[in-house]
Amino acid sequence: MRGECKPTMTWEEAPDTISPKELARILGIGINNARNIFDKPDFPKISKADIGNIGKADKEVARLYIQGIKIKNNSKEALLSMIYFELRKITANNEIDMLKSDFEKRKESVENENS
């Protein structure tokens, strides 16, 4: 009976380039399953000619691949998806900043009324 794997790392915590070991931690899968993903012909790993015989991939490109967006097959769609992903992160950060600012203003207002 196999043990249940659980994710022990988030995409945000992962380094910019990931190996099968990090992918396994992110997805909560075994290292052999992560290596099988890396070994797929359409998986967007960094060329061995560039970095030697080591399995590495850009984490954002790997994330898109896991989500079903295959960079090697459709670069325009992949690029647009990456732009959309980054815009979502920026929007979320801006919303958090606005909420913090609004909270601080309301807190000051309440403190001034109580003084």
PDB file of N, CA and C in Angstrom:
ATOM      1  N   MET A   1       0.843  -1.184   0.000  1.00  0.00           N
ATOM      2  CA  MET A   1       0.000   0.000   0.000  1.00  0.00           C
ATOM      3  C   MET A   1       0.886   1.244   0.000  1.00  0.00           C
ATOM      4  N   ARG A   2       0.604   2.153  -0.871  1.00  0.00           N
ATOM      5  CA  ARG A   2       1.407   3.356  -0.994  1.00  0.00           C
ATOM      6  C   ARG A   2       0.940   4.424  -0.014  1.00  0.00           C
ATOM      7  N   GLY A   3       1.885   5.193   0.471  1.00  0.00           N
ATOM      8  CA  GLY A   3       1.553   6.317   1.339  1.00  0.00           C
ATOM      9  C   GLY A   3       1.019   7.472   0.524  1.00  0.00           C
ATOM     10  N   GLU A   4       0.249   8.289   1.156  1.00  0.00           N
ATOM     11  CA  GLU A   4      -0.326   9.435   0.477  1.00  0.00           C
ATOM     12  C   GLU A   4       0.679  10.582   0.492  1.00  0.00           C
ATOM     13  N   CYS A   5       0.948  11.167  -0.668  1.00  0.00           N
ATOM     14  CA  CYS A   5       1.850  12.310  -0.760  1.00  0.00           C
ATOM     15  C   CYS A   5       1.026  13.590  -0.684  1.00  0.00           C
ATOM     16  N   LYS A   6       1.563  14.547   0.009  1.00  0.00           N
ATOM     17  CA  LYS A   6       0.906  15.854   0.099  1.00  0.00           C
ATOM     18  C   LYS A   6       1.911  16.915  -0.324  1.00  0.00           C
ATOM     19  N   PRO A   7       1.432  17.989  -0.951  1.00  0.00           N
ATOM     20  CA  PRO A   7       2.345  19.068  -1.334  1.00  0.00           C
ATOM     21  C   PRO A   7       3.056  19.640  -0.106  1.00  0.00           C
ATOM     22  N   THR A   8       4.354  19.868  -0.236  1.00  0.00           N
ATOM     23  CA  THR A   8       5.130  20.461   0.851  1.00  0.00           C
ATOM     24  C   THR A   8       5.780  21.770   0.431  1.00  0.00           C
ATOM     25  N   MET A   9       5.454  22.226  -0.778  1.00  0.00           N
ATOM     26  CA  MET A   9       5.995  23.483  -1.296  1.00  0.00           C
ATOM     27  C   MET A   9       4.949  24.100  -2.220  1.00  0.00           C
ATOM     28  N   THR A  10       4.850  25.414  -2.216  1.00  0.00           N
ATOM     29  CA  THR A  10       3.947  26.095  -3.150  1.00  0.00           C
ATOM     30  C   THR A  10       4.760  26.566  -4.353  1.00  0.00           C
ATOM     31  N   TRP A  11       4.049  26.921  -5.417  1.00  0.00           N
ATOM     32  CA  TRP A  11       4.731  27.456  -6.602  1.00  0.00           C
ATOM     33  C   TRP A  11       5.500  28.723  -6.225  1.00  0.00           C
ATOM     34  N   GLU A  12       4.923  29.543  -5.347  1.00  0.00           N
ATOM     35  CA  GLU A  12       5.570  30.788  -4.955  1.00  0.00           C
ATOM     36  C   GLU A  12       6.859  30.541  -4.173  1.00  0.00           C
ATOM     37  N   GLU A  13       6.895  29.482  -3.394  1.00  0.00           N
ATOM     38  CA  GLU A  13       8.082  29.159  -2.597  1.00  0.00           C
ATOM     39  C   GLU A  13       9.192  28.504  -3.426  1.00  0.00           C
ATOM     40  N   ALA A  14       8.846  27.951  -4.550  1.00  0.00           N
ATOM     41  CA  ALA A  14       9.812  27.215  -5.375  1.00  0.00           C
ATOM     42  C   ALA A  14      10.826  28.171  -5.997  1.00  0.00           C
ATOM     43  N   PRO A  15      12.056  27.676  -6.244  1.00  0.00           N
ATOM     44  CA  PRO A  15      13.035  28.512  -6.953  1.00  0.00           C
ATOM     45  C   PRO A  15      12.577  28.759  -8.387  1.00  0.00           C
ATOM     46  N   ASP A  16      13.215  29.711  -9.043  1.00  0.00           N
ATOM     47  CA  ASP A  16      12.819  30.062 -10.411  1.00  0.00           C
ATOM     48  C   ASP A  16      12.980  28.908 -11.386  1.00  0.00           C
ATOM     49  N   THR A  17      14.002  28.091 -11.182  1.00  0.00           N
ATOM     50  CA  THR A  17      14.150  26.873 -11.990  1.00  0.00           C
ATOM     51  C   THR A  17      13.976  25.685 -11.056  1.00  0.00           C
ATOM     52  N   ILE A  18      13.177  24.722 -11.497  1.00  0.00           N
ATOM     53  CA  ILE A  18      12.865  23.582 -10.644  1.00  0.00           C
ATOM     54  C   ILE A  18      13.365  22.283 -11.264  1.00  0.00           C
ATOM     55  N   SER A  19      13.618  21.332 -10.401  1.00  0.00           N
ATOM     56  CA  SER A  19      14.011  19.990 -10.808  1.00  0.00           C
ATOM     57  C   SER A  19      12.827  19.058 -10.534  1.00  0.00           C
ATOM     58  N   PRO A  20      12.923  17.790 -10.911  1.00  0.00           N
ATOM     59  CA  PRO A  20      11.850  16.858 -10.574  1.00  0.00           C
ATOM     60  C   PRO A  20      11.578  16.800  -9.061  1.00  0.00           C
ATOM     61  N   LYS A  21      12.618  16.985  -8.267  1.00  0.00           N
ATOM     62  CA  LYS A  21      12.454  16.959  -6.806  1.00  0.00           C
ATOM     63  C   LYS A  21      11.506  18.075  -6.344  1.00  0.00           C
ATOM     64  N   GLU A  22      11.706  19.295  -6.824  1.00  0.00           N
ATOM     65  CA  GLU A  22      10.821  20.406  -6.443  1.00  0.00           C
ATOM     66  C   GLU A  22       9.414  20.196  -7.010  1.00  0.00           C
ATOM     67  N   LEU A  23       9.331  19.698  -8.250  1.00  0.00           N
ATOM     68  CA  LEU A  23       8.015  19.457  -8.848  1.00  0.00           C
ATOM     69  C   LEU A  23       7.229  18.447  -8.007  1.00  0.00           C
ATOM     70  N   ALA A  24       7.919  17.416  -7.531  1.00  0.00           N
ATOM     71  CA  ALA A  24       7.272  16.412  -6.679  1.00  0.00           C
ATOM     72  C   ALA A  24       6.748  17.059  -5.402  1.00  0.00           C
ATOM     73  N   ARG A  25       7.538  17.939  -4.809  1.00  0.00           N
ATOM     74  CA  ARG A  25       7.105  18.618  -3.576  1.00  0.00           C
ATOM     75  C   ARG A  25       5.924  19.546  -3.822  1.00  0.00           C
ATOM     76  N   ILE A  26       5.933  20.235  -4.971  1.00  0.00           N
ATOM     77  CA  ILE A  26       4.853  21.169  -5.297  1.00  0.00           C
ATOM     78  C   ILE A  26       3.539  20.429  -5.542  1.00  0.00           C
ATOM     79  N   LEU A  27       3.611  19.351  -6.320  1.00  0.00           N
ATOM     80  CA  LEU A  27       2.398  18.627  -6.714  1.00  0.00           C
ATOM     81  C   LEU A  27       1.966  17.574  -5.698  1.00  0.00           C
ATOM     82  N   GLY A  28       2.851  17.245  -4.767  1.00  0.00           N
ATOM     83  CA  GLY A  28       2.513  16.202  -3.804  1.00  0.00           C
ATOM     84  C   GLY A  28       2.490  14.821  -4.440  1.00  0.00           C
ATOM     85  N   ILE A  29       3.477  14.608  -5.326  1.00  0.00           N
ATOM     86  CA  ILE A  29       3.591  13.311  -6.006  1.00  0.00           C
ATOM     87  C   ILE A  29       4.964  12.731  -5.708  1.00  0.00           C
ATOM     88  N   GLY A  30       5.158  11.484  -6.051  1.00  0.00           N
ATOM     89  CA  GLY A  30       6.457  10.854  -5.864  1.00  0.00           C
ATOM     90  C   GLY A  30       7.478  11.385  -6.855  1.00  0.00           C
ATOM     91  N   ILE A  31       8.746  11.252  -6.494  1.00  0.00           N
ATOM     92  CA  ILE A  31       9.828  11.735  -7.350  1.00  0.00           C
ATOM     93  C   ILE A  31       9.841  11.017  -8.694  1.00  0.00           C
ATOM     94  N   ASN A  32       9.505   9.730  -8.716  1.00  0.00           N
ATOM     95  CA  ASN A  32       9.478   9.007  -9.992  1.00  0.00           C
ATOM     96  C   ASN A  32       8.392   9.545 -10.913  1.00  0.00           C
ATOM     97  N   ASN A  33       7.238   9.878 -10.367  1.00  0.00           N
ATOM     98  CA  ASN A  33       6.177  10.478 -11.193  1.00  0.00           C
ATOM     99  C   ASN A  33       6.604  11.850 -11.721  1.00  0.00           C
ATOM    100  N   ALA A  34       7.303  12.614 -10.898  1.00  0.00           N
ATOM    101  CA  ALA A  34       7.787  13.925 -11.349  1.00  0.00           C
ATOM    102  C   ALA A  34       8.824  13.749 -12.458  1.00  0.00           C
ATOM    103  N   ARG A  35       9.704  12.748 -12.318  1.00  0.00           N
ATOM    104  CA  ARG A  35      10.693  12.483 -13.382  1.00  0.00           C
ATOM    105  C   ARG A  35      10.005  12.062 -14.675  1.00  0.00           C
ATOM    106  N   ASN A  36       8.930  11.282 -14.544  1.00  0.00           N
ATOM    107  CA  ASN A  36       8.175  10.882 -15.738  1.00  0.00           C
ATOM    108  C   ASN A  36       7.596  12.099 -16.452  1.00  0.00           C
ATOM    109  N   ILE A  37       7.134  13.082 -15.694  1.00  0.00           N
ATOM    110  CA  ILE A  37       6.622  14.318 -16.310  1.00  0.00           C
ATOM    111  C   ILE A  37       7.762  15.028 -17.032  1.00  0.00           C
ATOM    112  N   PHE A  38       8.920  15.143 -16.377  1.00  0.00           N
ATOM    113  CA  PHE A  38      10.085  15.799 -16.981  1.00  0.00           C
ATOM    114  C   PHE A  38      10.545  15.079 -18.248  1.00  0.00           C
ATOM    115  N   ASP A  39      10.362  13.768 -18.302  1.00  0.00           N
ATOM    116  CA  ASP A  39      10.828  12.981 -19.448  1.00  0.00           C
ATOM    117  C   ASP A  39       9.875  13.004 -20.643  1.00  0.00           C
ATOM    118  N   LYS A  40       8.691  13.590 -20.489  1.00  0.00           N
ATOM    119  CA  LYS A  40       7.763  13.669 -21.624  1.00  0.00           C
ATOM    120  C   LYS A  40       8.380  14.540 -22.713  1.00  0.00           C
ATOM    121  N   PRO A  41       8.215  14.145 -23.976  1.00  0.00           N
ATOM    122  CA  PRO A  41       8.843  14.905 -25.068  1.00  0.00           C
ATOM    123  C   PRO A  41       8.373  16.356 -25.167  1.00  0.00           C
ATOM    124  N   ASP A  42       7.133  16.636 -24.762  1.00  0.00           N
ATOM    125  CA  ASP A  42       6.636  18.006 -24.889  1.00  0.00           C
ATOM    126  C   ASP A  42       6.789  18.825 -23.607  1.00  0.00           C
ATOM    127  N   PHE A  43       7.407  18.248 -22.571  1.00  0.00           N
ATOM    128  CA  PHE A  43       7.622  19.009 -21.339  1.00  0.00           C
ATOM    129  C   PHE A  43       8.701  20.061 -21.588  1.00  0.00           C
ATOM    130  N   PRO A  44       8.466  21.295 -21.184  1.00  0.00           N
ATOM    131  CA  PRO A  44       9.377  22.408 -21.518  1.00  0.00           C
ATOM    132  C   PRO A  44      10.593  22.523 -20.596  1.00  0.00           C
ATOM    133  N   LYS A  45      11.404  21.486 -20.551  1.00  0.00           N
ATOM    134  CA  LYS A  45      12.605  21.556 -19.709  1.00  0.00           C
ATOM    135  C   LYS A  45      13.706  22.341 -20.429  1.00  0.00           C
ATOM    136  N   ILE A  46      14.641  22.840 -19.648  1.00  0.00           N
ATOM    137  CA  ILE A  46      15.770  23.577 -20.199  1.00  0.00           C
ATOM    138  C   ILE A  46      16.680  22.578 -20.908  1.00  0.00           C
ATOM    139  N   SER A  47      17.147  22.959 -22.074  1.00  0.00           N
ATOM    140  CA  SER A  47      17.965  22.076 -22.905  1.00  0.00           C
ATOM    141  C   SER A  47      19.216  21.604 -22.177  1.00  0.00           C
ATOM    142  N   LYS A  48      19.509  20.299 -22.315  1.00  0.00           N
ATOM    143  CA  LYS A  48      20.724  19.743 -21.714  1.00  0.00           C
ATOM    144  C   LYS A  48      21.968  20.372 -22.333  1.00  0.00           C
ATOM    145  N   ALA A  49      21.847  20.844 -23.566  1.00  0.00           N
ATOM    146  CA  ALA A  49      22.977  21.515 -24.208  1.00  0.00           C
ATOM    147  C   ALA A  49      23.332  22.803 -23.460  1.00  0.00           C
ATOM    148  N   ASP A  50      22.337  23.418 -22.815  1.00  0.00           N
ATOM    149  CA  ASP A  50      22.559  24.671 -22.089  1.00  0.00           C
ATOM    150  C   ASP A  50      23.053  24.459 -20.665  1.00  0.00           C
ATOM    151  N   ILE A  51      22.566  23.405 -19.994  1.00  0.00           N
ATOM    152  CA  ILE A  51      22.895  23.250 -18.572  1.00  0.00           C
ATOM    153  C   ILE A  51      23.496  21.901 -18.205  1.00  0.00           C
ATOM    154  N   GLY A  52      23.773  21.069 -19.177  1.00  0.00           N
ATOM    155  CA  GLY A  52      24.337  19.755 -18.887  1.00  0.00           C
ATOM    156  C   GLY A  52      23.242  18.733 -18.620  1.00  0.00           C
ATOM    157  N   ASN A  53      23.639  17.580 -18.156  1.00  0.00           N
ATOM    158  CA  ASN A  53      22.716  16.464 -17.970  1.00  0.00           C
ATOM    159  C   ASN A  53      21.979  16.577 -16.629  1.00  0.00           C
ATOM    160  N   ILE A  54      21.237  17.648 -16.491  1.00  0.00           N
ATOM    161  CA  ILE A  54      20.482  17.882 -15.262  1.00  0.00           C
ATOM    162  C   ILE A  54      19.077  18.318 -15.660  1.00  0.00           C
ATOM    163  N   GLY A  55      18.088  17.737 -15.031  1.00  0.00           N
ATOM    164  CA  GLY A  55      16.712  18.080 -15.365  1.00  0.00           C
ATOM    165  C   GLY A  55      16.263  19.333 -14.650  1.00  0.00           C
ATOM    166  N   LYS A  56      16.083  20.408 -15.374  1.00  0.00           N
ATOM    167  CA  LYS A  56      15.608  21.672 -14.807  1.00  0.00           C
ATOM    168  C   LYS A  56      14.587  22.275 -15.762  1.00  0.00           C
ATOM    169  N   ALA A  57      13.654  23.024 -15.179  1.00  0.00           N
ATOM    170  CA  ALA A  57      12.653  23.730 -15.986  1.00  0.00           C
ATOM    171  C   ALA A  57      12.306  25.034 -15.294  1.00  0.00           C
ATOM    172  N   ASP A  58      11.956  26.029 -16.072  1.00  0.00           N
ATOM    173  CA  ASP A  58      11.453  27.278 -15.513  1.00  0.00           C
ATOM    174  C   ASP A  58      10.139  26.975 -14.799  1.00  0.00           C
ATOM    175  N   LYS A  59       9.993  27.430 -13.563  1.00  0.00           N
ATOM    176  CA  LYS A  59       8.821  27.037 -12.783  1.00  0.00           C
ATOM    177  C   LYS A  59       7.519  27.564 -13.384  1.00  0.00           C
ATOM    178  N   GLU A  60       7.525  28.768 -13.936  1.00  0.00           N
ATOM    179  CA  GLU A  60       6.282  29.321 -14.492  1.00  0.00           C
ATOM    180  C   GLU A  60       5.869  28.567 -15.752  1.00  0.00           C
ATOM    181  N   VAL A  61       6.838  28.197 -16.570  1.00  0.00           N
ATOM    182  CA  VAL A  61       6.538  27.441 -17.783  1.00  0.00           C
ATOM    183  C   VAL A  61       6.055  26.040 -17.403  1.00  0.00           C
ATOM    184  N   ALA A  62       6.702  25.447 -16.391  1.00  0.00           N
ATOM    185  CA  ALA A  62       6.270  24.128 -15.911  1.00  0.00           C
ATOM    186  C   ALA A  62       4.851  24.209 -15.340  1.00  0.00           C
ATOM    187  N   ARG A  63       4.568  25.289 -14.635  1.00  0.00           N
ATOM    188  CA  ARG A  63       3.224  25.473 -14.063  1.00  0.00           C
ATOM    189  C   ARG A  63       2.171  25.544 -15.162  1.00  0.00           C
ATOM    190  N   LEU A  64       2.469  26.294 -16.210  1.00  0.00           N
ATOM    191  CA  LEU A  64       1.542  26.377 -17.344  1.00  0.00           C
ATOM    192  C   LEU A  64       1.347  25.007 -17.982  1.00  0.00           C
ATOM    193  N   TYR A  65       2.433  24.253 -18.118  1.00  0.00           N
ATOM    194  CA  TYR A  65       2.354  22.916 -18.701  1.00  0.00           C
ATOM    195  C   TYR A  65       1.425  22.029 -17.867  1.00  0.00           C
ATOM    196  N   ILE A  66       1.588  22.077 -16.562  1.00  0.00           N
ATOM    197  CA  ILE A  66       0.755  21.279 -15.662  1.00  0.00           C
ATOM    198  C   ILE A  66      -0.711  21.692 -15.806  1.00  0.00           C
ATOM    199  N   GLN A  67      -0.956  22.962 -16.092  1.00  0.00           N
ATOM    200  CA  GLN A  67      -2.317  23.461 -16.278  1.00  0.00           C
ATOM    201  C   GLN A  67      -2.863  23.150 -17.669  1.00  0.00           C
ATOM    202  N   GLY A  68      -2.052  22.513 -18.504  1.00  0.00           N
ATOM    203  CA  GLY A  68      -2.520  22.110 -19.827  1.00  0.00           C
ATOM    204  C   GLY A  68      -2.130  23.034 -20.959  1.00  0.00           C
ATOM    205  N   ILE A  69      -1.324  24.050 -20.671  1.00  0.00           N
ATOM    206  CA  ILE A  69      -0.881  24.982 -21.707  1.00  0.00           C
ATOM    207  C   ILE A  69       0.513  24.563 -22.129  1.00  0.00           C
ATOM    208  N   LYS A  70       0.618  24.041 -23.312  1.00  0.00           N
ATOM    209  CA  LYS A  70       1.870  23.472 -23.788  1.00  0.00           C
ATOM    210  C   LYS A  70       2.628  24.515 -24.618  1.00  0.00           C
ATOM    211  N   ILE A  71       3.666  25.059 -24.034  1.00  0.00           N
ATOM    212  CA  ILE A  71       4.459  26.130 -24.642  1.00  0.00           C
ATOM    213  C   ILE A  71       5.059  25.708 -25.976  1.00  0.00           C
ATOM    214  N   LYS A  72       5.595  24.507 -26.039  1.00  0.00           N
ATOM    215  CA  LYS A  72       6.274  24.066 -27.265  1.00  0.00           C
ATOM    216  C   LYS A  72       5.309  23.965 -28.437  1.00  0.00           C
ATOM    217  N   ASN A  73       4.048  23.697 -28.170  1.00  0.00           N
ATOM    218  CA  ASN A  73       3.069  23.521 -29.247  1.00  0.00           C
ATOM    219  C   ASN A  73       2.393  24.819 -29.660  1.00  0.00           C
ATOM    220  N   ASN A  74       2.256  25.767 -28.763  1.00  0.00           N
ATOM    221  CA  ASN A  74       1.500  26.973 -29.063  1.00  0.00           C
ATOM    222  C   ASN A  74       2.099  28.149 -28.315  1.00  0.00           C
ATOM    223  N   SER A  75       3.139  28.721 -28.866  1.00  0.00           N
ATOM    224  CA  SER A  75       3.858  29.766 -28.150  1.00  0.00           C
ATOM    225  C   SER A  75       3.026  31.029 -27.944  1.00  0.00           C
ATOM    226  N   LYS A  76       2.145  31.377 -28.883  1.00  0.00           N
ATOM    227  CA  LYS A  76       1.319  32.580 -28.731  1.00  0.00           C
ATOM    228  C   LYS A  76       0.367  32.404 -27.545  1.00  0.00           C
ATOM    229  N   GLU A  77      -0.310  31.280 -27.477  1.00  0.00           N
ATOM    230  CA  GLU A  77      -1.230  31.012 -26.363  1.00  0.00           C
ATOM    231  C   GLU A  77      -0.468  30.993 -25.043  1.00  0.00           C
ATOM    232  N   ALA A  78       0.703  30.397 -25.053  1.00  0.00           N
ATOM    233  CA  ALA A  78       1.500  30.312 -23.835  1.00  0.00           C
ATOM    234  C   ALA A  78       1.923  31.694 -23.360  1.00  0.00           C
ATOM    235  N   LEU A  79       2.370  32.517 -24.290  1.00  0.00           N
ATOM    236  CA  LEU A  79       2.786  33.864 -23.934  1.00  0.00           C
ATOM    237  C   LEU A  79       1.615  34.659 -23.361  1.00  0.00           C
ATOM    238  N   LEU A  80       0.473  34.577 -23.999  1.00  0.00           N
ATOM    239  CA  LEU A  80      -0.709  35.278 -23.496  1.00  0.00           C
ATOM    240  C   LEU A  80      -1.118  34.756 -22.117  1.00  0.00           C
ATOM    241  N   SER A  81      -0.990  33.478 -21.915  1.00  0.00           N
ATOM    242  CA  SER A  81      -1.316  32.898 -20.609  1.00  0.00           C
ATOM    243  C   SER A  81      -0.366  33.396 -19.532  1.00  0.00           C
ATOM    244  N   MET A  82       0.911  33.497 -19.863  1.00  0.00           N
ATOM    245  CA  MET A  82       1.875  34.005 -18.891  1.00  0.00           C
ATOM    246  C   MET A  82       1.590  35.466 -18.559  1.00  0.00           C
ATOM    247  N   ILE A  83       1.242  36.252 -19.562  1.00  0.00           N
ATOM    248  CA  ILE A  83       0.896  37.658 -19.327  1.00  0.00           C
ATOM    249  C   ILE A  83      -0.337  37.743 -18.439  1.00  0.00           C
ATOM    250  N   TYR A  84      -1.348  36.938 -18.730  1.00  0.00           N
ATOM    251  CA  TYR A  84      -2.565  36.920 -17.929  1.00  0.00           C
ATOM    252  C   TYR A  84      -2.255  36.532 -16.485  1.00  0.00           C
ATOM    253  N   PHE A  85      -1.406  35.519 -16.307  1.00  0.00           N
ATOM    254  CA  PHE A  85      -1.029  35.067 -14.967  1.00  0.00           C
ATOM    255  C   PHE A  85      -0.360  36.202 -14.192  1.00  0.00           C
ATOM    256  N   GLU A  86       0.578  36.905 -14.829  1.00  0.00           N
ATOM    257  CA  GLU A  86       1.273  38.007 -14.167  1.00  0.00           C
ATOM    258  C   GLU A  86       0.313  39.148 -13.846  1.00  0.00           C
ATOM    259  N   LEU A  87      -0.606  39.435 -14.749  1.00  0.00           N
ATOM    260  CA  LEU A  87      -1.592  40.492 -14.488  1.00  0.00           C
ATOM    261  C   LEU A  87      -2.486  40.140 -13.299  1.00  0.00           C
ATOM    262  N   ARG A  88      -2.840  38.860 -13.187  1.00  0.00           N
ATOM    263  CA  ARG A  88      -3.645  38.419 -12.038  1.00  0.00           C
ATOM    264  C   ARG A  88      -2.889  38.632 -10.741  1.00  0.00           C
ATOM    265  N   LYS A  89      -1.586  38.334 -10.732  1.00  0.00           N
ATOM    266  CA  LYS A  89      -0.777  38.538  -9.526  1.00  0.00           C
ATOM    267  C   LYS A  89      -0.695  40.020  -9.176  1.00  0.00           C
ATOM    268  N   ILE A  90      -0.471  40.867 -10.184  1.00  0.00           N
ATOM    269  CA  ILE A  90      -0.372  42.309  -9.951  1.00  0.00           C
ATOM    270  C   ILE A  90      -1.695  42.845  -9.415  1.00  0.00           C
ATOM    271  N   THR A  91      -2.794  42.427 -10.027  1.00  0.00           N
ATOM    272  CA  THR A  91      -4.117  42.878  -9.592  1.00  0.00           C
ATOM    273  C   THR A  91      -4.390  42.456  -8.153  1.00  0.00           C
ATOM    274  N   ALA A  92      -4.056  41.225  -7.818  1.00  0.00           N
ATOM    275  CA  ALA A  92      -4.269  40.735  -6.456  1.00  0.00           C
ATOM    276  C   ALA A  92      -3.435  41.543  -5.467  1.00  0.00           C
ATOM    277  N   ASN A  93      -2.184  41.839  -5.801  1.00  0.00           N
ATOM    278  CA  ASN A  93      -1.330  42.629  -4.913  1.00  0.00           C
ATOM    279  C   ASN A  93      -1.861  44.047  -4.747  1.00  0.00           C
ATOM    280  N   ASN A  94      -2.348  44.648  -5.836  1.00  0.00           N
ATOM    281  CA  ASN A  94      -2.914  45.994  -5.757  1.00  0.00           C
ATOM    282  C   ASN A  94      -4.168  46.014  -4.888  1.00  0.00           C
ATOM    283  N   GLU A  95      -5.004  44.989  -5.018  1.00  0.00           N
ATOM    284  CA  GLU A  95      -6.212  44.914  -4.200  1.00  0.00           C
ATOM    285  C   GLU A  95      -5.860  44.787  -2.723  1.00  0.00           C
ATOM    286  N   ILE A  96      -4.853  44.011  -2.406  1.00  0.00           N
ATOM    287  CA  ILE A  96      -4.414  43.861  -1.014  1.00  0.00           C
ATOM    288  C   ILE A  96      -3.907  45.200  -0.488  1.00  0.00           C
ATOM    289  N   ASP A  97      -3.107  45.900  -1.286  1.00  0.00           N
ATOM    290  CA  ASP A  97      -2.595  47.209  -0.866  1.00  0.00           C
ATOM    291  C   ASP A  97      -3.732  48.195  -0.629  1.00  0.00           C
ATOM    292  N   MET A  98      -4.739  48.184  -1.515  1.00  0.00           N
ATOM    293  CA  MET A  98      -5.884  49.087  -1.352  1.00  0.00           C
ATOM    294  C   MET A  98      -6.672  48.751  -0.089  1.00  0.00           C
ATOM    295  N   LEU A  99      -6.856  47.466   0.180  1.00  0.00           N
ATOM    296  CA  LEU A  99      -7.570  47.060   1.390  1.00  0.00           C
ATOM    297  C   LEU A  99      -6.807  47.473   2.646  1.00  0.00           C
ATOM    298  N   LYS A 100      -5.499  47.317   2.639  1.00  0.00           N
ATOM    299  CA  LYS A 100      -4.691  47.728   3.785  1.00  0.00           C
ATOM    300  C   LYS A 100      -4.813  49.231   4.015  1.00  0.00           C
ATOM    301  N   SER A 101      -4.722  49.982   2.935  1.00  0.00           N
ATOM    302  CA  SER A 101      -4.825  51.439   3.031  1.00  0.00           C
ATOM    303  C   SER A 101      -6.193  51.847   3.566  1.00  0.00           C
ATOM    304  N   ASP A 102      -7.240  51.236   3.037  1.00  0.00           N
ATOM    305  CA  ASP A 102      -8.603  51.532   3.484  1.00  0.00           C
ATOM    306  C   ASP A 102      -8.770  51.193   4.957  1.00  0.00           C
ATOM    307  N   PHE A 103      -8.207  50.057   5.380  1.00  0.00           N
ATOM    308  CA  PHE A 103      -8.281  49.640   6.775  1.00  0.00           C
ATOM    309  C   PHE A 103      -7.593  50.654   7.680  1.00  0.00           C
ATOM    310  N   GLU A 104      -6.402  51.104   7.281  1.00  0.00           N
ATOM    311  CA  GLU A 104      -5.664  52.076   8.081  1.00  0.00           C
ATOM    312  C   GLU A 104      -6.426  53.393   8.206  1.00  0.00           C
ATOM    313  N   LYS A 105      -7.047  53.843   7.116  1.00  0.00           N
ATOM    314  CA  LYS A 105      -7.837  55.085   7.156  1.00  0.00           C
ATOM    315  C   LYS A 105      -9.018  54.944   8.091  1.00  0.00           C
ATOM    316  N   ARG A 106      -9.707  53.815   8.014  1.00  0.00           N
ATOM    317  CA  ARG A 106     -10.859  53.597   8.900  1.00  0.00           C
ATOM    318  C   ARG A 106     -10.414  53.484  10.353  1.00  0.00           C
ATOM    319  N   LYS A 107      -9.291  52.837  10.577  1.00  0.00           N
ATOM    320  CA  LYS A 107      -8.757  52.696  11.931  1.00  0.00           C
ATOM    321  C   LYS A 107      -8.437  54.070  12.519  1.00  0.00           C
ATOM    322  N   GLU A 108      -7.791  54.926  11.716  1.00  0.00           N
ATOM    323  CA  GLU A 108      -7.484  56.290  12.159  1.00  0.00           C
ATOM    324  C   GLU A 108      -8.752  57.062  12.459  1.00  0.00           C
ATOM    325  N   SER A 109      -9.748  56.906  11.608  1.00  0.00           N
ATOM    326  CA  SER A 109     -11.013  57.614  11.795  1.00  0.00           C
ATOM    327  C   SER A 109     -11.683  57.204  13.102  1.00  0.00           C
ATOM    328  N   VAL A 110     -11.683  55.921  13.384  1.00  0.00           N
ATOM    329  CA  VAL A 110     -12.283  55.410  14.637  1.00  0.00           C
ATOM    330  C   VAL A 110     -11.491  55.907  15.839  1.00  0.00           C
ATOM    331  N   GLU A 111     -10.163  55.890  15.727  1.00  0.00           N
ATOM    332  CA  GLU A 111      -9.325  56.357  16.826  1.00  0.00           C
ATOM    333  C   GLU A 111      -9.549  57.842  17.086  1.00  0.00           C
ATOM    334  N   ASN A 112      -9.706  58.650  16.028  1.00  0.00           N
ATOM    335  CA  ASN A 112      -9.963  60.076  16.174  1.00  0.00           C
ATOM    336  C   ASN A 112     -11.326  60.341  16.808  1.00  0.00           C
ATOM    337  N   GLU A 113     -12.309  59.528  16.457  1.00  0.00           N
ATOM    338  CA  GLU A 113     -13.650  59.704  17.041  1.00  0.00           C
ATOM    339  C   GLU A 113     -13.650  59.355  18.523  1.00  0.00           C
ATOM    340  N   ASN A 114     -12.835  58.395  18.923  1.00  0.00           N
ATOM    341  CA  ASN A 114     -12.775  57.955  20.312  1.00  0.00           C
ATOM    342  C   ASN A 114     -11.899  58.844  21.170  1.00  0.00           C
ATOM    343  N   SER A 115     -11.153  59.764  20.571  1.00  0.00           N
ATOM    344  CA  SER A 115     -10.245  60.641  21.330  1.00  0.00           C
ATOM    345  C   SER A 115     -10.964  61.811  21.923  1.00  0.00           C
TER     346      SER A 115
END
